[in-house]
Amino acid sequence: MNADLLLSNLTNPTLLFFLLGVMAHAVKSDLEIPPTTIKFISLYLLFSIGFKGGQELAHEHLNGQVAKELVFGMAIASVIPFYAFYLLRHKLGVQNAGAVAAAYGSVSAVTFVAATGFLEAKELAFNGHMVAIMALMESPAIIVGMVLLMQYDRESTERPTLGHMLRHSFTNASVLILIGSLIIGLVADAKQAEGIKPFTTDIFKGFLAIFLLEMGMVTAARFKAFRTYGWYALTIAIVLPLINGCSVAWLSGLVTANLGDRFMFAILAASASYIAVPAAMRLAAPKADPGLYIPMALGVTFPFNITVGMPLFYFIIAGST
């Protein structure tokens, strides 16, 4: 891998703010971002990326190529939790394995947002339909995880219905604002949309930096509980995204030649959900330990992807063209 590429990503201001958040917790600083502010920023980031994706999608022709990429994304989100569950269930137990598998099969919208900044730095674009693909990749992993739990968890007598879980995955706040903004961006008048462009584009990176500052503090706070699971959980939290991201970085060349789309497929495959899936797993796997799968996704996989994963996946994709 090009050392300059890795150095460039490590000195990205948004990543540095993430590290500042980790340091703030380590030195027990009283730095705190109000929860209402963080909630607003979270909604803003999802709104912005969804709206911009809808605007891009409005200029595209919905053809067989888009359909092929959509099917590819849904397949990724279905296969990953399936193999991950069978890999982990004997070591972690059925409920923990189901929750971890669903988290790693699903996607992280925040990682997706951070990846847009990486592509902008490389002056590469991705197609607007990737936002729709990202939003739709949330549900298959949750459904597959639940089906596996229903099949192998002999102790549980009360399980939510598949319909309830499917509804929850689409009405989750992050998915709803993302899909809703995408649809609005798609149908909005182009000239009228120009009026909010400064809000959706110009201040985006600043809000992303503040959000990652908070993510750094949250990651450091939750990592202590995670350490009780030892080296196995830490290794899995690195190996799973490495396998998924590298595999998809290579396989994506079979469905699209667009470097930006291929990069986004790789980072989505490598990411892990720590918002939608934990909310769903509280219903589907009440005995699963959130102190395991949330820190795995947020405390290990997320920083791994934005420091090592992104330049690595880009290197694989760029080298295969």
Protein backbone atom coordinates (compact mmCIF):
# COMPACT_ATOMS: atom_id res chain seq x y z
CA MET A 1 0.00 0.00 0.00
CA ASN A 2 1.20 3.51 -0.76
CA ALA A 3 2.53 5.06 2.47
CA ASP A 4 1.48 8.52 1.31
CA LEU A 5 -2.11 7.29 0.94
CA LEU A 6 -2.15 5.94 4.50
CA LEU A 7 -0.53 9.12 5.86
CA SER A 8 -3.06 11.27 4.02
CA ASN A 9 -5.96 9.41 5.62
CA LEU A 10 -4.37 9.47 9.08
CA THR A 11 -4.01 13.26 8.90
CA ASN A 12 -7.57 13.82 7.72
CA PRO A 13 -9.09 16.48 10.04
CA THR A 14 -12.23 14.42 10.69
CA LEU A 15 -10.16 11.43 11.80
CA LEU A 16 -7.99 13.65 13.99
CA PHE A 17 -11.13 14.91 15.75
CA PHE A 18 -12.09 11.27 16.41
CA LEU A 19 -8.68 10.71 18.02
CA LEU A 20 -9.13 13.91 20.02
CA GLY A 21 -12.34 12.45 21.43
CA VAL A 22 -10.52 9.26 22.45
CA MET A 23 -7.80 11.34 24.14
CA ALA A 24 -10.39 13.52 25.90
CA HIS A 25 -11.86 10.46 27.59
CA ALA A 26 -8.45 9.01 28.37
CA VAL A 27 -7.37 12.14 30.27
CA LYS A 28 -10.81 12.37 31.95
CA SER A 29 -11.58 15.74 30.44
CA ASP A 30 -14.95 17.38 31.17
CA LEU A 31 -15.42 17.93 27.44
CA GLU A 32 -19.01 17.08 26.60
CA ILE A 33 -21.28 17.65 23.61
CA PRO A 34 -24.95 17.91 24.64
CA PRO A 35 -27.00 14.84 23.63
CA THR A 36 -29.56 17.01 21.83
CA THR A 37 -26.78 18.57 19.75
CA ILE A 38 -25.38 15.17 18.78
CA LYS A 39 -28.86 13.92 17.89
CA PHE A 40 -29.33 16.95 15.64
CA ILE A 41 -25.93 16.42 13.99
CA SER A 42 -26.69 12.72 13.45
CA LEU A 43 -29.96 13.58 11.74
CA TYR A 44 -28.27 16.31 9.73
CA LEU A 45 -25.55 13.98 8.40
CA LEU A 46 -28.09 11.36 7.35
CA PHE A 47 -30.36 14.01 5.85
CA SER A 48 -27.51 15.58 3.92
CA ILE A 49 -26.13 12.36 2.45
CA GLY A 50 -29.65 11.13 1.61
CA PHE A 51 -30.73 14.38 -0.04
CA LYS A 52 -27.54 14.67 -2.10
CA GLY A 53 -27.89 11.04 -3.12
CA GLY A 54 -31.47 11.66 -4.23
CA GLN A 55 -30.36 14.65 -6.28
CA GLU A 56 -27.71 12.51 -7.97
CA LEU A 57 -30.18 9.69 -8.50
CA ALA A 58 -32.56 12.11 -10.23
CA HIS A 59 -29.98 12.57 -12.97
CA GLU A 60 -29.48 8.83 -13.47
CA HIS A 61 -31.43 6.40 -15.59
CA LEU A 62 -32.88 3.56 -13.50
CA ASN A 63 -31.67 0.72 -15.69
CA GLY A 64 -30.35 -2.80 -15.49
CA GLN A 65 -26.99 -1.63 -14.16
CA VAL A 66 -28.59 0.02 -11.14
CA ALA A 67 -30.71 -3.09 -10.55
CA LYS A 68 -27.61 -5.29 -10.74
CA GLU A 69 -25.81 -3.19 -8.13
CA LEU A 70 -28.86 -3.23 -5.89
CA VAL A 71 -29.02 -7.02 -5.99
CA PHE A 72 -25.28 -7.18 -5.29
CA GLY A 73 -25.67 -4.98 -2.21
CA MET A 74 -28.58 -7.03 -0.86
CA ALA A 75 -26.60 -10.24 -1.45
CA ILE A 76 -23.65 -8.87 0.54
CA ALA A 77 -25.94 -8.00 3.45
CA SER A 78 -27.45 -11.51 3.39
CA VAL A 79 -24.31 -13.64 3.00
CA ILE A 80 -22.10 -11.94 5.60
CA PRO A 81 -24.35 -12.58 8.65
CA PHE A 82 -24.92 -16.16 7.50
CA TYR A 83 -21.26 -17.18 7.42
CA ALA A 84 -20.37 -15.02 10.44
CA PHE A 85 -23.00 -16.74 12.59
CA TYR A 86 -21.67 -20.22 11.88
CA LEU A 87 -18.13 -19.00 12.47
CA LEU A 88 -18.94 -17.50 15.88
CA ARG A 89 -21.77 -19.50 17.46
CA HIS A 90 -19.66 -22.19 19.14
CA LYS A 91 -17.35 -19.63 20.73
CA LEU A 92 -19.81 -16.85 21.63
CA GLY A 93 -23.09 -18.72 21.99
CA VAL A 94 -26.16 -18.51 19.77
CA GLN A 95 -27.56 -15.15 20.91
CA ASN A 96 -24.25 -13.29 20.95
CA ALA A 97 -23.27 -14.83 17.61
CA GLY A 98 -26.62 -13.80 16.11
CA ALA A 99 -26.24 -10.22 17.30
CA VAL A 100 -22.61 -9.92 16.12
CA ALA A 101 -23.45 -11.53 12.76
CA ALA A 102 -26.36 -9.13 12.19
CA ALA A 103 -24.19 -6.13 13.14
CA TYR A 104 -21.45 -7.07 10.68
CA GLY A 105 -23.89 -7.97 7.93
CA SER A 106 -25.62 -4.63 8.29
CA VAL A 107 -24.00 -1.27 7.55
CA SER A 108 -22.79 1.85 9.32
CA ALA A 109 -24.20 5.08 7.91
CA VAL A 110 -21.50 7.04 9.77
CA THR A 111 -18.74 5.00 8.09
CA PHE A 112 -20.46 5.61 4.76
CA VAL A 113 -20.48 9.35 5.47
CA ALA A 114 -16.79 9.28 6.43
CA ALA A 115 -16.07 7.39 3.20
CA THR A 116 -17.61 10.21 1.16
CA GLY A 117 -14.95 12.52 2.59
CA PHE A 118 -12.23 10.05 1.58
CA LEU A 119 -13.54 9.95 -1.99
CA GLU A 120 -13.77 13.73 -2.15
CA ALA A 121 -10.12 13.96 -1.18
CA LYS A 122 -9.32 11.58 -4.07
CA GLU A 123 -11.58 13.59 -6.39
CA LEU A 124 -13.69 10.52 -7.08
CA ALA A 125 -17.48 10.43 -7.31
CA PHE A 126 -19.97 7.68 -6.54
CA ASN A 127 -23.42 7.32 -8.03
CA GLY A 128 -26.47 8.52 -6.12
CA HIS A 129 -28.09 5.09 -6.08
CA MET A 130 -25.40 3.93 -3.63
CA VAL A 131 -27.27 5.85 -0.91
CA ALA A 132 -30.41 3.84 -1.65
CA ILE A 133 -28.37 0.63 -1.64
CA MET A 134 -26.87 1.53 1.73
CA ALA A 135 -30.30 2.17 3.26
CA LEU A 136 -31.71 -1.08 1.91
CA MET A 137 -28.73 -3.11 3.17
CA GLU A 138 -29.82 -2.55 6.80
CA SER A 139 -32.74 -4.97 6.73
CA PRO A 140 -31.42 -8.22 5.15
CA ALA A 141 -28.79 -8.68 7.85
CA ILE A 142 -31.35 -8.15 10.64
CA ILE A 143 -33.73 -10.62 9.01
CA VAL A 144 -31.03 -13.26 8.44
CA GLY A 145 -29.79 -12.84 12.02
CA MET A 146 -33.30 -13.29 13.37
CA VAL A 147 -34.00 -16.37 11.24
CA LEU A 148 -30.79 -17.99 12.48
CA LEU A 149 -31.71 -17.17 16.07
CA MET A 150 -35.17 -18.69 15.60
CA GLN A 151 -33.60 -21.85 14.22
CA TYR A 152 -30.82 -22.39 16.76
CA ASP A 153 -31.94 -20.72 19.98
CA ARG A 154 -33.83 -23.52 21.70
CA GLU A 155 -34.16 -21.68 25.02
CA SER A 156 -36.10 -18.66 23.81
CA THR A 157 -39.88 -19.05 23.89
CA GLU A 158 -40.92 -15.49 23.04
CA ARG A 159 -39.66 -14.19 19.73
CA PRO A 160 -40.83 -11.14 17.77
CA THR A 161 -42.42 -11.95 14.44
CA LEU A 162 -40.48 -11.55 11.21
CA GLY A 163 -42.96 -8.89 10.09
CA HIS A 164 -42.36 -6.87 13.27
CA MET A 165 -38.59 -7.02 12.81
CA LEU A 166 -38.88 -6.02 9.14
CA ARG A 167 -41.09 -3.07 10.06
CA HIS A 168 -38.67 -2.02 12.80
CA SER A 169 -35.68 -2.13 10.45
CA PHE A 170 -37.37 0.27 8.01
CA THR A 171 -38.94 2.61 10.60
CA ASN A 172 -35.72 2.96 12.58
CA ALA A 173 -34.97 6.70 12.77
CA SER A 174 -31.66 6.51 10.91
CA VAL A 175 -33.09 4.43 8.06
CA LEU A 176 -36.27 6.52 7.85
CA ILE A 177 -34.50 9.90 7.61
CA LEU A 178 -32.05 8.46 5.09
CA ILE A 179 -34.67 6.95 2.79
CA GLY A 180 -37.02 9.91 3.26
CA SER A 181 -34.30 12.43 2.37
CA LEU A 182 -33.34 10.32 -0.62
CA ILE A 183 -36.91 10.36 -1.94
CA ILE A 184 -37.25 14.11 -1.33
CA GLY A 185 -33.96 14.77 -3.12
CA LEU A 186 -35.17 12.59 -5.98
CA VAL A 187 -38.49 14.39 -6.53
CA ALA A 188 -37.45 17.95 -5.53
CA ASP A 189 -37.17 20.62 -8.20
CA ALA A 190 -33.49 21.04 -9.10
CA LYS A 191 -33.61 24.84 -9.04
CA GLN A 192 -35.38 24.94 -5.69
CA ALA A 193 -32.87 22.43 -4.27
CA GLU A 194 -30.02 24.82 -5.08
CA GLY A 195 -31.35 27.09 -2.33
CA ILE A 196 -30.36 24.65 0.42
CA LYS A 197 -27.10 23.53 -1.15
CA PRO A 198 -24.97 25.58 1.29
CA PHE A 199 -26.66 23.69 4.15
CA THR A 200 -26.38 20.23 2.61
CA THR A 201 -22.86 20.58 1.23
CA ASP A 202 -20.73 23.47 2.50
CA ILE A 203 -20.97 22.80 6.24
CA PHE A 204 -21.06 19.00 5.95
CA LYS A 205 -17.42 18.31 6.87
CA GLY A 206 -17.56 20.60 9.89
CA PHE A 207 -20.53 18.76 11.36
CA LEU A 208 -18.88 15.44 10.54
CA ALA A 209 -15.77 16.50 12.50
CA ILE A 210 -17.87 17.37 15.59
CA PHE A 211 -19.77 14.10 15.31
CA LEU A 212 -16.58 12.06 15.12
CA LEU A 213 -15.26 13.94 18.17
CA GLU A 214 -18.26 12.61 20.07
CA MET A 215 -17.80 9.13 18.56
CA GLY A 216 -14.24 9.11 19.85
CA MET A 217 -15.39 9.80 23.41
CA VAL A 218 -18.16 7.18 23.19
CA THR A 219 -15.77 4.58 21.77
CA ALA A 220 -13.25 5.08 24.56
CA ALA A 221 -15.97 4.89 27.22
CA ARG A 222 -17.37 1.57 25.98
CA PHE A 223 -14.09 -0.13 25.24
CA LYS A 224 -13.40 -1.01 28.89
CA ALA A 225 -16.37 -3.41 29.13
CA PHE A 226 -15.40 -4.99 25.82
CA ARG A 227 -11.95 -6.00 27.10
CA THR A 228 -13.51 -8.66 29.33
CA TYR A 229 -14.07 -10.79 26.21
CA GLY A 230 -10.36 -11.01 25.53
CA TRP A 231 -8.39 -11.27 22.33
CA TYR A 232 -10.95 -13.37 20.45
CA ALA A 233 -13.52 -10.58 20.17
CA LEU A 234 -10.82 -8.05 19.30
CA THR A 235 -9.46 -10.29 16.55
CA ILE A 236 -12.91 -10.96 15.09
CA ALA A 237 -13.68 -7.22 15.06
CA ILE A 238 -10.65 -6.71 12.80
CA VAL A 239 -10.64 -9.93 10.75
CA LEU A 240 -14.32 -9.81 9.75
CA PRO A 241 -14.20 -6.32 8.19
CA LEU A 242 -10.84 -7.16 6.62
CA ILE A 243 -12.23 -10.28 4.91
CA ASN A 244 -15.51 -8.64 3.94
CA GLY A 245 -14.01 -5.40 2.67
CA CYS A 246 -11.16 -6.96 0.69
CA SER A 247 -13.42 -9.62 -0.85
CA VAL A 248 -16.03 -7.09 -1.96
CA ALA A 249 -13.36 -4.64 -3.17
CA TRP A 250 -12.33 -7.36 -5.63
CA LEU A 251 -15.77 -8.86 -6.41
CA SER A 252 -17.39 -5.47 -7.01
CA GLY A 253 -15.45 -5.24 -10.26
CA LEU A 254 -17.83 -7.89 -11.62
CA VAL A 255 -20.86 -5.59 -11.27
CA THR A 256 -19.50 -2.07 -11.88
CA ALA A 257 -16.44 -0.33 -13.25
CA ASN A 258 -17.06 2.87 -11.26
CA LEU A 259 -14.23 3.24 -8.71
CA GLY A 260 -16.35 5.30 -6.34
CA ASP A 261 -19.17 2.73 -6.30
CA ARG A 262 -16.72 -0.12 -5.81
CA PHE A 263 -15.11 1.68 -2.89
CA MET A 264 -18.49 2.30 -1.30
CA PHE A 265 -19.46 -1.37 -1.70
CA ALA A 266 -16.22 -2.38 0.02
CA ILE A 267 -16.63 0.01 2.93
CA LEU A 268 -20.28 -0.98 3.40
CA ALA A 269 -19.30 -4.66 3.48
CA ALA A 270 -16.55 -3.91 6.00
CA SER A 271 -18.66 -1.70 8.26
CA ALA A 272 -20.79 -2.82 11.19
CA SER A 273 -24.02 -1.31 12.49
CA TYR A 274 -24.06 0.10 16.02
CA ILE A 275 -27.40 1.93 15.78
CA ALA A 276 -30.10 0.00 13.91
CA VAL A 277 -28.95 -3.54 14.73
CA PRO A 278 -28.49 -3.01 18.51
CA ALA A 279 -32.01 -1.58 18.64
CA ALA A 280 -33.37 -4.59 16.75
CA MET A 281 -31.36 -7.16 18.70
CA ARG A 282 -32.82 -5.93 21.98
CA LEU A 283 -36.01 -7.55 20.72
CA ALA A 284 -34.65 -10.53 18.81
CA ALA A 285 -31.78 -11.49 21.14
CA PRO A 286 -32.48 -10.12 24.62
CA LYS A 287 -29.80 -12.36 26.17
CA ALA A 288 -27.08 -11.11 23.82
CA ASP A 289 -24.58 -8.81 25.53
CA PRO A 290 -24.54 -5.24 24.13
CA GLY A 291 -21.17 -4.89 25.87
CA LEU A 292 -19.83 -7.27 23.23
CA TYR A 293 -21.31 -6.35 19.87
CA ILE A 294 -21.57 -2.57 20.28
CA PRO A 295 -17.90 -2.03 21.28
CA MET A 296 -16.83 -4.50 18.58
CA ALA A 297 -18.57 -2.39 15.93
CA LEU A 298 -17.92 1.05 17.38
CA GLY A 299 -14.71 0.63 19.36
CA VAL A 300 -12.68 -1.57 17.00
CA THR A 301 -14.20 -1.93 13.52
CA PHE A 302 -15.13 1.72 13.04
CA PRO A 303 -11.65 3.15 13.79
CA PHE A 304 -10.05 0.28 11.87
CA ASN A 305 -12.06 1.13 8.78
CA ILE A 306 -11.35 4.85 8.81
CA THR A 307 -7.61 4.43 9.47
CA VAL A 308 -6.55 1.23 7.69
CA GLY A 309 -9.59 -0.11 5.84
CA MET A 310 -10.30 2.83 3.55
CA PRO A 311 -6.80 3.20 2.10
CA LEU A 312 -6.46 -0.60 1.87
CA PHE A 313 -9.73 -1.09 -0.02
CA TYR A 314 -8.93 1.83 -2.31
CA PHE A 315 -5.51 0.32 -3.02
CA ILE A 316 -7.11 -3.03 -3.97
CA ILE A 317 -9.70 -1.38 -6.23
CA ALA A 318 -7.27 1.01 -7.90
CA GLY A 319 -4.81 -1.82 -8.47
CA SER A 320 -7.40 -4.07 -10.12
CA THR A 321 -8.37 -1.58 -12.84
